[in-house]
Amino acid sequence: MLTSSALTGLFIASFLAATILPMQSEAVLVGLLLTGDYSIAALLAVASGGNILGSVCNWWLGRYIERYRHCSWFPVSEHRLSQARQWYRRYGRWSLLLSWAPVIGDPLTVAAGIMRESLPVFLVIVSMAKAGRYLILTGITIGWLP
């Protein structure tokens, strides 16, 4: 049986792991899986949901960040913003299938917002990537996959 603190911890770790904050949700998920005390479906749903919602925050940030690009405190140079736009134009929405990947995944979700990717399309592609990653990790952890 899942405790609310286990669910909450997994959700927070998964959410934060999808943002620019350095967090590892995989370790939390694997730890809970290895105990054998929790529903696999619930763990997958909570981890995926938190991670997807974190990516939606990145999309939203990208969507509205450009209005502040001329402010002195703006954290991204015009050059880096231009690079993100060019990269997303070149590889398009299907590059969001890499949103699960360390280092490049979070900037991709911000770039999708900057490029005005529609939220429904964003959600479908990012959900496939994020849930797929957790499903594979779960399969390896509990022995479904070699």
N, C-alpha and C. Protein backbone atom coordinates (compact mmCIF):
# COMPACT_ATOMS: atom_id res chain seq x y z
N MET A 1 0.84 -1.18 0.00
CA MET A 1 0.00 0.00 0.00
C MET A 1 0.89 1.24 0.00
N LEU A 2 0.54 2.19 -0.86
CA LEU A 2 1.31 3.43 -0.95
C LEU A 2 0.97 4.37 0.18
N THR A 3 2.00 4.89 0.80
CA THR A 3 1.76 5.92 1.80
C THR A 3 1.74 7.27 1.08
N SER A 4 1.03 8.21 1.67
CA SER A 4 0.96 9.51 1.03
C SER A 4 2.33 10.19 0.99
N SER A 5 3.19 9.93 1.98
CA SER A 5 4.52 10.54 1.96
C SER A 5 5.38 9.96 0.83
N ALA A 6 5.23 8.68 0.54
CA ALA A 6 5.97 8.07 -0.57
C ALA A 6 5.50 8.66 -1.90
N LEU A 7 4.19 8.76 -2.06
CA LEU A 7 3.65 9.36 -3.29
C LEU A 7 4.07 10.81 -3.43
N THR A 8 3.97 11.54 -2.35
CA THR A 8 4.32 12.95 -2.38
C THR A 8 5.80 13.13 -2.71
N GLY A 9 6.65 12.36 -2.07
CA GLY A 9 8.09 12.44 -2.34
C GLY A 9 8.43 12.10 -3.78
N LEU A 10 7.81 11.06 -4.30
CA LEU A 10 8.05 10.67 -5.69
C LEU A 10 7.56 11.75 -6.64
N PHE A 11 6.37 12.30 -6.37
CA PHE A 11 5.83 13.35 -7.23
C PHE A 11 6.74 14.57 -7.23
N ILE A 12 7.17 15.01 -6.05
CA ILE A 12 8.03 16.19 -5.95
C ILE A 12 9.37 15.95 -6.66
N ALA A 13 9.96 14.78 -6.42
CA ALA A 13 11.24 14.46 -7.08
C ALA A 13 11.08 14.44 -8.60
N SER A 14 9.99 13.86 -9.08
CA SER A 14 9.75 13.76 -10.52
C SER A 14 9.48 15.13 -11.13
N PHE A 15 8.70 15.94 -10.42
CA PHE A 15 8.39 17.28 -10.89
C PHE A 15 9.67 18.11 -10.98
N LEU A 16 10.44 18.14 -9.91
CA LEU A 16 11.66 18.95 -9.88
C LEU A 16 12.71 18.46 -10.87
N ALA A 17 12.74 17.16 -11.12
CA ALA A 17 13.70 16.61 -12.07
C ALA A 17 13.43 17.10 -13.49
N ALA A 18 12.20 17.50 -13.78
CA ALA A 18 11.86 17.99 -15.11
C ALA A 18 12.11 19.48 -15.26
N THR A 19 12.44 20.15 -14.17
CA THR A 19 12.72 21.58 -14.24
C THR A 19 14.23 21.78 -14.32
N ILE A 20 14.65 23.02 -14.24
CA ILE A 20 16.09 23.30 -14.33
C ILE A 20 16.83 22.98 -13.03
N LEU A 21 16.09 22.61 -12.00
CA LEU A 21 16.73 22.25 -10.73
C LEU A 21 17.37 20.86 -10.84
N PRO A 22 18.54 20.68 -10.24
CA PRO A 22 19.20 19.37 -10.32
C PRO A 22 18.55 18.38 -9.35
N MET A 23 17.83 17.45 -9.88
CA MET A 23 17.13 16.45 -9.07
C MET A 23 17.10 15.14 -9.85
N GLN A 24 17.17 14.03 -9.14
CA GLN A 24 17.12 12.71 -9.76
C GLN A 24 15.89 11.96 -9.28
N SER A 25 14.92 11.84 -10.13
CA SER A 25 13.71 11.11 -9.76
C SER A 25 13.87 9.60 -9.93
N GLU A 26 14.79 9.20 -10.78
CA GLU A 26 14.97 7.78 -11.04
C GLU A 26 15.36 7.02 -9.79
N ALA A 27 16.24 7.61 -8.98
CA ALA A 27 16.68 6.95 -7.76
C ALA A 27 15.51 6.75 -6.79
N VAL A 28 14.63 7.73 -6.71
CA VAL A 28 13.47 7.63 -5.82
C VAL A 28 12.54 6.51 -6.33
N LEU A 29 12.27 6.51 -7.63
CA LEU A 29 11.40 5.48 -8.20
C LEU A 29 11.99 4.08 -7.99
N VAL A 30 13.25 3.92 -8.31
CA VAL A 30 13.89 2.61 -8.16
C VAL A 30 13.87 2.16 -6.70
N GLY A 31 14.16 3.07 -5.79
CA GLY A 31 14.12 2.73 -4.37
C GLY A 31 12.75 2.22 -3.94
N LEU A 32 11.71 2.89 -4.37
CA LEU A 32 10.36 2.46 -4.02
C LEU A 32 9.99 1.14 -4.70
N LEU A 33 10.43 0.96 -5.94
CA LEU A 33 10.17 -0.30 -6.64
C LEU A 33 10.86 -1.47 -5.94
N LEU A 34 12.09 -1.25 -5.51
CA LEU A 34 12.86 -2.34 -4.90
C LEU A 34 12.30 -2.80 -3.56
N THR A 35 11.54 -1.96 -2.90
CA THR A 35 10.95 -2.40 -1.63
C THR A 35 9.89 -3.46 -1.88
N GLY A 36 9.25 -3.42 -3.04
CA GLY A 36 8.18 -4.36 -3.34
C GLY A 36 6.90 -4.08 -2.58
N ASP A 37 6.85 -2.98 -1.87
CA ASP A 37 5.69 -2.65 -1.04
C ASP A 37 4.67 -1.77 -1.75
N TYR A 38 4.95 -1.37 -2.96
CA TYR A 38 4.11 -0.36 -3.62
C TYR A 38 3.57 -0.86 -4.95
N SER A 39 2.43 -0.35 -5.32
CA SER A 39 1.81 -0.66 -6.60
C SER A 39 2.67 -0.09 -7.73
N ILE A 40 3.06 -0.95 -8.64
CA ILE A 40 3.89 -0.52 -9.77
C ILE A 40 3.14 0.49 -10.62
N ALA A 41 1.86 0.24 -10.87
CA ALA A 41 1.07 1.16 -11.69
C ALA A 41 0.97 2.54 -11.04
N ALA A 42 0.77 2.58 -9.73
CA ALA A 42 0.67 3.86 -9.04
C ALA A 42 2.00 4.60 -9.08
N LEU A 43 3.09 3.89 -8.86
CA LEU A 43 4.41 4.53 -8.91
C LEU A 43 4.68 5.10 -10.30
N LEU A 44 4.36 4.35 -11.34
CA LEU A 44 4.55 4.83 -12.71
C LEU A 44 3.68 6.05 -12.99
N ALA A 45 2.44 6.02 -12.54
CA ALA A 45 1.53 7.14 -12.77
C ALA A 45 2.00 8.40 -12.06
N VAL A 46 2.42 8.27 -10.81
CA VAL A 46 2.85 9.43 -10.03
C VAL A 46 4.17 10.00 -10.60
N ALA A 47 5.12 9.14 -10.89
CA ALA A 47 6.40 9.60 -11.43
C ALA A 47 6.20 10.27 -12.79
N SER A 48 5.41 9.64 -13.66
CA SER A 48 5.17 10.21 -14.99
C SER A 48 4.40 11.52 -14.89
N GLY A 49 3.38 11.53 -14.07
CA GLY A 49 2.58 12.75 -13.91
C GLY A 49 3.39 13.91 -13.40
N GLY A 50 4.19 13.69 -12.38
CA GLY A 50 5.03 14.76 -11.85
C GLY A 50 6.03 15.26 -12.88
N ASN A 51 6.65 14.35 -13.61
CA ASN A 51 7.65 14.72 -14.59
C ASN A 51 7.03 15.47 -15.77
N ILE A 52 5.86 15.05 -16.20
CA ILE A 52 5.16 15.72 -17.29
C ILE A 52 4.75 17.13 -16.86
N LEU A 53 4.20 17.26 -15.65
CA LEU A 53 3.81 18.59 -15.16
C LEU A 53 5.02 19.52 -15.01
N GLY A 54 6.15 18.98 -14.61
CA GLY A 54 7.37 19.79 -14.56
C GLY A 54 7.76 20.30 -15.93
N SER A 55 7.59 19.46 -16.94
CA SER A 55 7.88 19.87 -18.32
C SER A 55 6.90 20.92 -18.82
N VAL A 56 5.65 20.82 -18.37
CA VAL A 56 4.66 21.84 -18.73
C VAL A 56 5.07 23.19 -18.14
N CYS A 57 5.64 23.19 -16.94
CA CYS A 57 6.15 24.44 -16.36
C CYS A 57 7.26 25.01 -17.23
N ASN A 58 8.14 24.16 -17.74
CA ASN A 58 9.20 24.62 -18.64
C ASN A 58 8.60 25.21 -19.91
N TRP A 59 7.59 24.53 -20.48
CA TRP A 59 6.93 25.01 -21.68
C TRP A 59 6.33 26.39 -21.43
N TRP A 60 5.65 26.52 -20.30
CA TRP A 60 5.02 27.79 -19.94
C TRP A 60 6.09 28.88 -19.79
N LEU A 61 7.20 28.55 -19.13
CA LEU A 61 8.29 29.49 -18.97
C LEU A 61 8.80 29.95 -20.34
N GLY A 62 9.02 29.00 -21.23
CA GLY A 62 9.47 29.34 -22.58
C GLY A 62 8.46 30.19 -23.33
N ARG A 63 7.22 29.89 -23.13
CA ARG A 63 6.14 30.61 -23.82
C ARG A 63 6.11 32.09 -23.44
N TYR A 64 6.42 32.40 -22.19
CA TYR A 64 6.29 33.77 -21.71
C TYR A 64 7.61 34.46 -21.37
N ILE A 65 8.71 33.78 -21.53
CA ILE A 65 10.00 34.32 -21.11
C ILE A 65 10.52 35.43 -22.03
N GLU A 66 10.19 35.35 -23.30
CA GLU A 66 10.76 36.31 -24.24
C GLU A 66 10.34 37.75 -23.97
N ARG A 67 9.23 37.95 -23.32
CA ARG A 67 8.81 39.32 -23.05
C ARG A 67 9.77 40.02 -22.10
N TYR A 68 10.64 39.25 -21.44
CA TYR A 68 11.59 39.82 -20.49
C TYR A 68 13.03 39.80 -20.98
N ARG A 69 13.24 39.42 -22.23
CA ARG A 69 14.61 39.22 -22.71
C ARG A 69 15.46 40.48 -22.72
N HIS A 70 14.86 41.65 -22.70
CA HIS A 70 15.65 42.89 -22.70
C HIS A 70 15.91 43.42 -21.30
N CYS A 71 15.48 42.69 -20.29
CA CYS A 71 15.73 43.08 -18.89
C CYS A 71 17.16 42.69 -18.51
N SER A 72 17.77 43.47 -17.65
CA SER A 72 19.16 43.21 -17.27
C SER A 72 19.33 41.88 -16.52
N TRP A 73 18.31 41.43 -15.82
CA TRP A 73 18.39 40.21 -15.03
C TRP A 73 18.10 38.95 -15.85
N PHE A 74 17.72 39.10 -17.11
CA PHE A 74 17.34 37.95 -17.94
C PHE A 74 18.50 36.96 -18.01
N PRO A 75 18.25 35.67 -17.70
CA PRO A 75 19.34 34.71 -17.54
C PRO A 75 19.92 34.12 -18.82
N VAL A 76 19.33 34.41 -19.97
CA VAL A 76 19.78 33.80 -21.22
C VAL A 76 20.15 34.90 -22.21
N SER A 77 21.30 34.74 -22.84
CA SER A 77 21.73 35.75 -23.81
C SER A 77 20.88 35.65 -25.07
N GLU A 78 20.87 36.73 -25.82
CA GLU A 78 20.13 36.76 -27.09
C GLU A 78 20.67 35.69 -28.03
N HIS A 79 21.97 35.48 -27.98
CA HIS A 79 22.60 34.45 -28.82
C HIS A 79 22.08 33.05 -28.48
N ARG A 80 22.02 32.73 -27.19
CA ARG A 80 21.54 31.41 -26.75
C ARG A 80 20.05 31.23 -27.09
N LEU A 81 19.29 32.29 -26.96
CA LEU A 81 17.87 32.24 -27.30
C LEU A 81 17.71 31.98 -28.80
N SER A 82 18.53 32.64 -29.59
CA SER A 82 18.51 32.44 -31.04
C SER A 82 18.92 31.00 -31.40
N GLN A 83 19.92 30.47 -30.71
CA GLN A 83 20.33 29.09 -30.94
C GLN A 83 19.20 28.11 -30.64
N ALA A 84 18.50 28.35 -29.54
CA ALA A 84 17.38 27.46 -29.17
C ALA A 84 16.30 27.50 -30.24
N ARG A 85 16.00 28.68 -30.74
CA ARG A 85 14.97 28.80 -31.81
C ARG A 85 15.42 28.05 -33.06
N GLN A 86 16.66 28.25 -33.46
CA GLN A 86 17.17 27.59 -34.67
C GLN A 86 17.16 26.07 -34.52
N TRP A 87 17.58 25.60 -33.36
CA TRP A 87 17.61 24.16 -33.12
C TRP A 87 16.22 23.57 -33.22
N TYR A 88 15.25 24.24 -32.61
CA TYR A 88 13.88 23.72 -32.62
C TYR A 88 13.29 23.79 -34.03
N ARG A 89 13.60 24.85 -34.77
CA ARG A 89 13.13 24.93 -36.17
C ARG A 89 13.71 23.78 -36.99
N ARG A 90 14.97 23.48 -36.73
CA ARG A 90 15.65 22.44 -37.52
C ARG A 90 15.09 21.05 -37.23
N TYR A 91 14.92 20.71 -35.95
CA TYR A 91 14.52 19.35 -35.58
C TYR A 91 13.04 19.20 -35.27
N GLY A 92 12.38 20.30 -35.00
CA GLY A 92 10.94 20.29 -34.83
C GLY A 92 10.42 19.60 -33.58
N ARG A 93 9.11 19.43 -33.57
CA ARG A 93 8.42 18.92 -32.39
C ARG A 93 8.84 17.51 -32.01
N TRP A 94 9.29 16.71 -32.98
CA TRP A 94 9.64 15.33 -32.64
C TRP A 94 10.92 15.25 -31.81
N SER A 95 11.65 16.36 -31.76
CA SER A 95 12.82 16.40 -30.88
C SER A 95 12.39 16.28 -29.41
N LEU A 96 11.12 16.56 -29.13
CA LEU A 96 10.61 16.43 -27.77
C LEU A 96 10.61 14.98 -27.28
N LEU A 97 10.78 14.03 -28.19
CA LEU A 97 10.92 12.64 -27.76
C LEU A 97 12.20 12.46 -26.93
N LEU A 98 13.10 13.43 -27.01
CA LEU A 98 14.33 13.41 -26.21
C LEU A 98 14.18 14.21 -24.91
N SER A 99 12.96 14.60 -24.59
CA SER A 99 12.73 15.40 -23.39
C SER A 99 13.07 14.64 -22.11
N TRP A 100 13.18 13.34 -22.18
CA TRP A 100 13.54 12.52 -21.01
C TRP A 100 15.03 12.56 -20.73
N ALA A 101 15.82 12.96 -21.71
CA ALA A 101 17.28 12.83 -21.63
C ALA A 101 17.91 13.88 -20.71
N PRO A 102 18.90 13.46 -19.95
CA PRO A 102 19.63 14.42 -19.11
C PRO A 102 20.29 15.50 -19.97
N VAL A 103 20.46 16.65 -19.43
CA VAL A 103 21.13 17.80 -20.01
C VAL A 103 20.32 18.47 -21.13
N ILE A 104 19.88 17.74 -22.13
CA ILE A 104 19.18 18.38 -23.25
C ILE A 104 17.66 18.39 -23.11
N GLY A 105 17.11 17.52 -22.28
CA GLY A 105 15.65 17.39 -22.19
C GLY A 105 14.95 18.63 -21.69
N ASP A 106 15.44 19.21 -20.61
CA ASP A 106 14.78 20.39 -20.04
C ASP A 106 14.85 21.59 -20.98
N PRO A 107 16.01 21.90 -21.56
CA PRO A 107 16.04 23.01 -22.53
C PRO A 107 15.13 22.79 -23.74
N LEU A 108 14.96 21.54 -24.15
CA LEU A 108 14.05 21.25 -25.25
C LEU A 108 12.62 21.66 -24.92
N THR A 109 12.20 21.39 -23.71
CA THR A 109 10.83 21.73 -23.34
C THR A 109 10.64 23.24 -23.22
N VAL A 110 11.68 23.95 -22.81
CA VAL A 110 11.62 25.42 -22.79
C VAL A 110 11.58 25.94 -24.22
N ALA A 111 12.42 25.37 -25.10
CA ALA A 111 12.44 25.79 -26.50
C ALA A 111 11.08 25.57 -27.16
N ALA A 112 10.40 24.50 -26.81
CA ALA A 112 9.07 24.25 -27.38
C ALA A 112 8.11 25.37 -27.01
N GLY A 113 8.21 25.87 -25.80
CA GLY A 113 7.38 27.00 -25.39
C GLY A 113 7.75 28.26 -26.15
N ILE A 114 9.05 28.52 -26.29
CA ILE A 114 9.51 29.69 -27.03
C ILE A 114 9.00 29.65 -28.46
N MET A 115 9.01 28.47 -29.05
CA MET A 115 8.58 28.30 -30.44
C MET A 115 7.07 28.17 -30.59
N ARG A 116 6.36 28.33 -29.50
CA ARG A 116 4.89 28.33 -29.51
C ARG A 116 4.29 27.00 -29.95
N GLU A 117 4.97 25.91 -29.57
CA GLU A 117 4.40 24.58 -29.83
C GLU A 117 3.07 24.51 -29.09
N SER A 118 2.07 23.93 -29.73
CA SER A 118 0.76 23.85 -29.07
C SER A 118 0.84 22.93 -27.86
N LEU A 119 0.13 23.29 -26.80
CA LEU A 119 0.18 22.51 -25.57
C LEU A 119 -0.32 21.08 -25.79
N PRO A 120 -1.41 20.84 -26.51
CA PRO A 120 -1.84 19.45 -26.71
C PRO A 120 -0.79 18.58 -27.41
N VAL A 121 -0.15 19.11 -28.44
CA VAL A 121 0.90 18.35 -29.15
C VAL A 121 2.07 18.13 -28.21
N PHE A 122 2.46 19.16 -27.50
CA PHE A 122 3.55 19.07 -26.52
C PHE A 122 3.25 17.97 -25.51
N LEU A 123 2.05 17.97 -24.96
CA LEU A 123 1.68 16.99 -23.94
C LEU A 123 1.75 15.56 -24.46
N VAL A 124 1.28 15.33 -25.67
CA VAL A 124 1.29 13.97 -26.22
C VAL A 124 2.72 13.47 -26.39
N ILE A 125 3.56 14.29 -27.01
CA ILE A 125 4.93 13.84 -27.29
C ILE A 125 5.75 13.70 -26.00
N VAL A 126 5.66 14.69 -25.13
CA VAL A 126 6.42 14.65 -23.88
C VAL A 126 5.92 13.50 -23.00
N SER A 127 4.63 13.26 -22.99
CA SER A 127 4.08 12.16 -22.19
C SER A 127 4.62 10.81 -22.67
N MET A 128 4.70 10.63 -23.97
CA MET A 128 5.27 9.38 -24.50
C MET A 128 6.71 9.21 -24.04
N ALA A 129 7.48 10.29 -24.12
CA ALA A 129 8.90 10.22 -23.75
C ALA A 129 9.09 9.98 -22.26
N LYS A 130 8.40 10.76 -21.45
CA LYS A 130 8.59 10.68 -20.00
C LYS A 130 8.06 9.35 -19.43
N ALA A 131 6.84 8.99 -19.80
CA ALA A 131 6.27 7.73 -19.30
C ALA A 131 7.06 6.54 -19.85
N GLY A 132 7.50 6.63 -21.09
CA GLY A 132 8.29 5.56 -21.68
C GLY A 132 9.59 5.33 -20.94
N ARG A 133 10.26 6.41 -20.56
CA ARG A 133 11.50 6.29 -19.81
C ARG A 133 11.26 5.59 -18.47
N TYR A 134 10.21 6.01 -17.74
CA TYR A 134 9.93 5.38 -16.44
C TYR A 134 9.49 3.93 -16.60
N LEU A 135 8.78 3.63 -17.68
CA LEU A 135 8.35 2.26 -17.93
C LEU A 135 9.57 1.36 -18.19
N ILE A 136 10.50 1.84 -18.98
CA ILE A 136 11.72 1.06 -19.26
C ILE A 136 12.54 0.89 -17.98
N LEU A 137 12.70 1.96 -17.22
CA LEU A 137 13.43 1.88 -15.96
C LEU A 137 12.78 0.88 -15.01
N THR A 138 11.46 0.90 -14.95
CA THR A 138 10.72 -0.04 -14.11
C THR A 138 10.93 -1.47 -14.59
N GLY A 139 10.84 -1.66 -15.90
CA GLY A 139 11.04 -2.99 -16.47
C GLY A 139 12.41 -3.56 -16.15
N ILE A 140 13.43 -2.73 -16.22
CA ILE A 140 14.78 -3.18 -15.90
C ILE A 140 14.89 -3.48 -14.40
N THR A 141 14.32 -2.61 -13.57
CA THR A 141 14.43 -2.76 -12.13
C THR A 141 13.76 -4.01 -11.61
N ILE A 142 12.56 -4.31 -12.11
CA ILE A 142 11.83 -5.46 -11.56
C ILE A 142 11.97 -6.72 -12.40
N GLY A 143 12.77 -6.65 -13.45
CA GLY A 143 13.08 -7.85 -14.21
C GLY A 143 12.18 -8.15 -15.40
N TRP A 144 11.35 -7.20 -15.79
CA TRP A 144 10.55 -7.40 -17.00
C TRP A 144 11.44 -7.38 -18.23
N LEU A 145 12.49 -6.58 -18.18
CA LEU A 145 13.42 -6.43 -19.29
C LEU A 145 14.80 -6.91 -18.86
N PRO A 146 15.57 -7.44 -19.80
CA PRO A 146 16.92 -7.91 -19.45
C PRO A 146 17.86 -6.76 -19.12
